[in-house]
C-alpha atoms as a PDB file:
ATOM      1  CA  UNK A   1     104.703  79.875 104.415  1.00  0.00           C
ATOM      2  CA  UNK A   2     101.748  82.273 104.437  1.00  0.00           C
ATOM      3  CA  UNK A   3     104.135  85.058 105.475  1.00  0.00           C
ATOM      4  CA  UNK A   4     106.346  84.606 102.393  1.00  0.00           C
ATOM      5  CA  UNK A   5     103.266  84.409 100.169  1.00  0.00           C
ATOM      6  CA  UNK A   6     102.016  87.735 101.538  1.00  0.00           C
ATOM      7  CA  UNK A   7     105.419  89.362 101.110  1.00  0.00           C
ATOM      8  CA  UNK A   8     105.706  88.225  97.484  1.00  0.00           C
ATOM      9  CA  UNK A   9     102.146  89.301  96.698  1.00  0.00           C
ATOM     10  CA  UNK A  10     102.630  92.719  98.262  1.00  0.00           C
ATOM     11  CA  UNK A  11     105.686  93.487  96.157  1.00  0.00           C
ATOM     12  CA  UNK A  12     103.374  93.753  93.158  1.00  0.00           C
ATOM     13  CA  UNK A  13     100.654  95.795  94.874  1.00  0.00           C
ATOM     14  CA  UNK A  14     100.370  99.558  94.874  1.00  0.00           C
ATOM     15  CA  UNK A  15      99.775 100.636  98.454  1.00  0.00           C
ATOM     16  CA  UNK A  16      98.844 104.199  99.442  1.00  0.00           C
ATOM     17  CA  UNK A  17      98.296 105.520 102.932  1.00  0.00           C
ATOM     18  CA  UNK A  18      96.549 108.812 103.527  1.00  0.00           C
ATOM     19  CA  UNK A  19      97.858 109.822 106.940  1.00  0.00           C
ATOM     20  CA  UNK A  20      98.571 112.537 109.478  1.00  0.00           C
ATOM     21  CA  UNK A  21     101.791 112.805 111.523  1.00  0.00           C
ATOM     22  CA  UNK A  22     100.006 112.777 114.906  1.00  0.00           C
ATOM     23  CA  UNK A  23      97.576 109.937 114.074  1.00  0.00           C
ATOM     24  CA  UNK A  24      98.538 106.917 116.212  1.00  0.00           C
ATOM     25  CA  UNK A  25      96.910 104.385 113.890  1.00  0.00           C
ATOM     26  CA  UNK A  26      98.737 105.993 110.945  1.00  0.00           C
ATOM     27  CA  UNK A  27     102.041 105.547 112.761  1.00  0.00           C
ATOM     28  CA  UNK A  28     101.174 101.939 113.630  1.00  0.00           C
ATOM     29  CA  UNK A  29     100.156 100.938 110.105  1.00  0.00           C
ATOM     30  CA  UNK A  30     103.306 102.450 108.571  1.00  0.00           C
ATOM     31  CA  UNK A  31     105.509 100.732 111.177  1.00  0.00           C
ATOM     32  CA  UNK A  32     103.723  97.438 110.492  1.00  0.00           C
ATOM     33  CA  UNK A  33     104.187  97.742 106.724  1.00  0.00           C
ATOM     34  CA  UNK A  34     107.823  98.784 107.184  1.00  0.00           C
ATOM     35  CA  UNK A  35     108.409  95.701 109.347  1.00  0.00           C
ATOM     36  CA  UNK A  36     106.826  93.523 106.640  1.00  0.00           C
ATOM     37  CA  UNK A  37     108.931  95.159 103.921  1.00  0.00           C
ATOM     38  CA  UNK A  38     105.865  96.518 102.133  1.00  0.00           C
ATOM     39  CA  UNK A  39     106.542  99.613 100.044  1.00  0.00           C
ATOM     40  CA  UNK A  40     103.861 102.274 100.167  1.00  0.00           C
ATOM     41  CA  UNK A  41     103.180 105.846  99.187  1.00  0.00           C
ATOM     42  CA  UNK A  42     102.525 107.985 102.255  1.00  0.00           C
ATOM     43  CA  UNK A  43     100.255 110.946 101.549  1.00  0.00           C
ATOM     44  CA  UNK A  44     100.267 113.384 104.464  1.00  0.00           C
ATOM     45  CA  UNK A  45      96.889 115.140 104.445  1.00  0.00           C
ATOM     46  CA  UNK A  46      97.574 117.424 107.431  1.00  0.00           C
ATOM     47  CA  UNK A  47      97.557 120.958 106.093  1.00  0.00           C
ATOM     48  CA  UNK A  48      97.383 119.605 102.536  1.00  0.00           C
ATOM     49  CA  UNK A  49      93.966 120.649 101.206  1.00  0.00           C
ATOM     50  CA  UNK A  50      94.612 119.105  97.801  1.00  0.00           C
ATOM     51  CA  UNK A  51      95.394 115.679  99.302  1.00  0.00           C
ATOM     52  CA  UNK A  52      92.431 115.855 101.706  1.00  0.00           C
ATOM     53  CA  UNK A  53      90.107 116.841  98.853  1.00  0.00           C
ATOM     54  CA  UNK A  54      91.458 113.982  96.716  1.00  0.00           C
ATOM     55  CA  UNK A  55      90.831 111.521  99.552  1.00  0.00           C
ATOM     56  CA  UNK A  56      87.279 112.807 100.022  1.00  0.00           C
ATOM     57  CA  UNK A  57      86.520 112.908  96.283  1.00  0.00           C
ATOM     58  CA  UNK A  58      87.911 109.462  95.431  1.00  0.00           C
ATOM     59  CA  UNK A  59      86.904 107.558  98.553  1.00  0.00           C
ATOM     60  CA  UNK A  60      84.251 109.679 100.278  1.00  0.00           C
ATOM     61  CA  UNK A  61      86.284 109.635 103.489  1.00  0.00           C
ATOM     62  CA  UNK A  62      88.157 112.219 105.569  1.00  0.00           C
ATOM     63  CA  UNK A  63      89.437 109.838 108.253  1.00  0.00           C
ATOM     64  CA  UNK A  64      93.016 108.627 108.602  1.00  0.00           C
ATOM     65  CA  UNK A  65      94.578 106.262 108.127  1.00  0.00           C
ATOM     66  CA  UNK A  66      92.934 105.489 104.827  1.00  0.00           C
ATOM     67  CA  UNK A  67      94.783 102.600 103.226  1.00  0.00           C
ATOM     68  CA  UNK A  68      94.376 101.845  99.536  1.00  0.00           C
ATOM     69  CA  UNK A  69      95.703  98.536  98.210  1.00  0.00           C
ATOM     70  CA  UNK A  70      95.060  98.170  94.521  1.00  0.00           C
ATOM     71  CA  UNK A  71      91.361  98.988  94.223  1.00  0.00           C
ATOM     72  CA  UNK A  72      90.518  98.044  97.816  1.00  0.00           C
ATOM     73  CA  UNK A  73      90.129 100.530 100.656  1.00  0.00           C
ATOM     74  CA  UNK A  74      90.527 100.124 104.403  1.00  0.00           C
ATOM     75  CA  UNK A  75      90.065 102.642 107.211  1.00  0.00           C
ATOM     76  CA  UNK A  76      92.051 102.335 110.420  1.00  0.00           C
ATOM     77  CA  UNK A  77      94.602  99.770 111.530  1.00  0.00           C
ATOM     78  CA  UNK A  78      93.358  96.192 111.765  1.00  0.00           C
ATOM     79  CA  UNK A  79      96.059  93.547 111.271  1.00  0.00           C
ATOM     80  CA  UNK A  80      93.838  90.625 110.136  1.00  0.00           C
ATOM     81  CA  UNK A  81      91.950  92.798 107.652  1.00  0.00           C
ATOM     82  CA  UNK A  82      95.173  94.375 106.383  1.00  0.00           C
ATOM     83  CA  UNK A  83      96.791  90.964 105.898  1.00  0.00           C
ATOM     84  CA  UNK A  84      93.733  89.745 104.015  1.00  0.00           C
ATOM     85  CA  UNK A  85      93.784  92.777 101.709  1.00  0.00           C
ATOM     86  CA  UNK A  86      97.521  92.459 101.124  1.00  0.00           C
ATOM     87  CA  UNK A  87      97.229  88.797 100.212  1.00  0.00           C
ATOM     88  CA  UNK A  88      94.107  89.045  98.054  1.00  0.00           C
ATOM     89  CA  UNK A  89      94.437  92.348  96.191  1.00  0.00           C
ATOM     90  CA  UNK A  90      95.114  92.323  92.470  1.00  0.00           C
ATOM     91  CA  UNK A  91      98.400  93.907  91.328  1.00  0.00           C
END
């Protein structure tokens, strides 16, 4: 029941992932979201100065993965924290 609640909540959320192709946690978080059916915008910052600068300017961070769900930000791949953000974020 919680699973379906999370899936329906996530459909309305805007999810962005600032990532790099060789980042293992980036790969894991995208695979996890794909498995859950969560749509996200993947922003590859490797070699993309504009994207890296945007990440640093908006969030003060230059570490990937940087996951943005609505107005909430998470660094790294942590399933319980990610689930909590997905289920509690405003659309």
